[in-house]
Amino acid sequence: MGARPLRRVIQEEIEDKVADYYIDHSSEAKLLADVIDDQIVISAPDKQAPIKDDSKTSD
């Protein structure tokens, strides 16, 4: 399997899991995707350990 088909499969798997998670947890603004026991798991990040936002750069 090439890089593009693999990327597409990963993206679809994560999108499906995120959609399913949001159905039950629509108030969550940030999510964490992780692989546990070869399964993609979506959860809310720990409130005490926020997700690092790499989009902001300092000069």
Foldseek 3Di string as FASTA:
>chain_A
DDPVVVVVVVVVLVVVQVVVVCVVVVPADDWDWDADPNHTHIDHDDPVDDDDDPVDDDD
